[in-house]
Amino acid sequence: MDEGLWVILLEAGLALSLLLLIVWATWPKGKSESRDAQVTGPTAKEKAQEVARERVK
């Protein structure tokens, strides 16, 4: 029974490593200065309100 335990522990370690790699790779990055300096346009809600106003006219 103990002979195959190292295989199970190795597999568990690899699964944990893969999970950590995926979480690290998809973790949101911090705000960059260039992103903050960009001029933002209207939000989706504002666009929808504008379209609704145009349809009423």
Protein backbone atom coordinates (compact mmCIF):
# COMPACT_ATOMS: atom_id res chain seq x y z
CA MET A 1 0.00 0.00 0.00
CA ASP A 2 2.83 2.42 0.82
CA GLU A 3 4.59 1.69 -2.46
CA GLY A 4 2.00 3.60 -4.51
CA LEU A 5 1.56 6.44 -2.03
CA TRP A 6 4.34 8.50 -3.60
CA VAL A 7 2.44 8.47 -6.92
CA ILE A 8 -0.69 9.82 -5.25
CA LEU A 9 1.29 12.50 -3.42
CA LEU A 10 3.10 13.45 -6.63
CA GLU A 11 -0.20 13.76 -8.49
CA ALA A 12 -1.71 15.86 -5.70
CA GLY A 13 1.34 18.13 -5.72
CA LEU A 14 1.16 18.57 -9.48
CA ALA A 15 -2.57 19.34 -9.31
CA LEU A 16 -1.94 21.96 -6.64
CA SER A 17 0.88 23.47 -8.68
CA LEU A 18 -1.33 23.63 -11.75
CA LEU A 19 -4.10 25.30 -9.75
CA LEU A 20 -1.70 27.91 -8.40
CA LEU A 21 -0.32 28.56 -11.89
CA ILE A 22 -3.81 29.10 -13.31
CA VAL A 23 -4.80 31.44 -10.46
CA TRP A 24 -1.56 33.42 -10.81
CA ALA A 25 -1.91 33.71 -14.60
CA THR A 26 -5.51 34.92 -14.42
CA TRP A 27 -5.15 37.21 -11.41
CA PRO A 28 -6.12 40.80 -12.34
CA LYS A 29 -3.18 43.11 -12.74
CA GLY A 30 -2.92 46.35 -10.78
CA LYS A 31 -4.05 49.60 -12.33
CA SER A 32 -1.44 51.01 -14.65
CA GLU A 33 -0.85 54.73 -15.06
CA SER A 34 -1.52 54.61 -18.80
CA ARG A 35 -4.89 52.99 -18.17
CA ASP A 36 -5.83 55.68 -15.67
CA ALA A 37 -4.84 58.40 -18.11
CA GLN A 38 -7.13 57.13 -20.86
CA VAL A 39 -10.30 59.07 -21.49
CA THR A 40 -13.25 56.85 -20.83
CA GLY A 41 -16.38 56.92 -22.94
CA PRO A 42 -19.97 56.47 -21.89
CA THR A 43 -20.92 53.36 -20.00
CA ALA A 44 -23.22 50.70 -21.43
CA LYS A 45 -26.07 52.02 -19.31
CA GLU A 46 -25.55 55.54 -20.63
CA LYS A 47 -25.47 54.24 -24.21
CA ALA A 48 -28.70 52.33 -23.67
CA GLN A 49 -30.38 55.43 -22.24
CA GLU A 50 -29.24 57.47 -25.22
CA VAL A 51 -30.60 54.91 -27.68
CA ALA A 52 -33.91 54.83 -25.78
CA ARG A 53 -34.16 58.63 -25.96
CA GLU A 54 -33.51 58.56 -29.73
CA ARG A 55 -36.24 55.97 -30.25
CA VAL A 56 -38.75 58.12 -28.38
CA LYS A 57 -38.10 61.11 -30.67
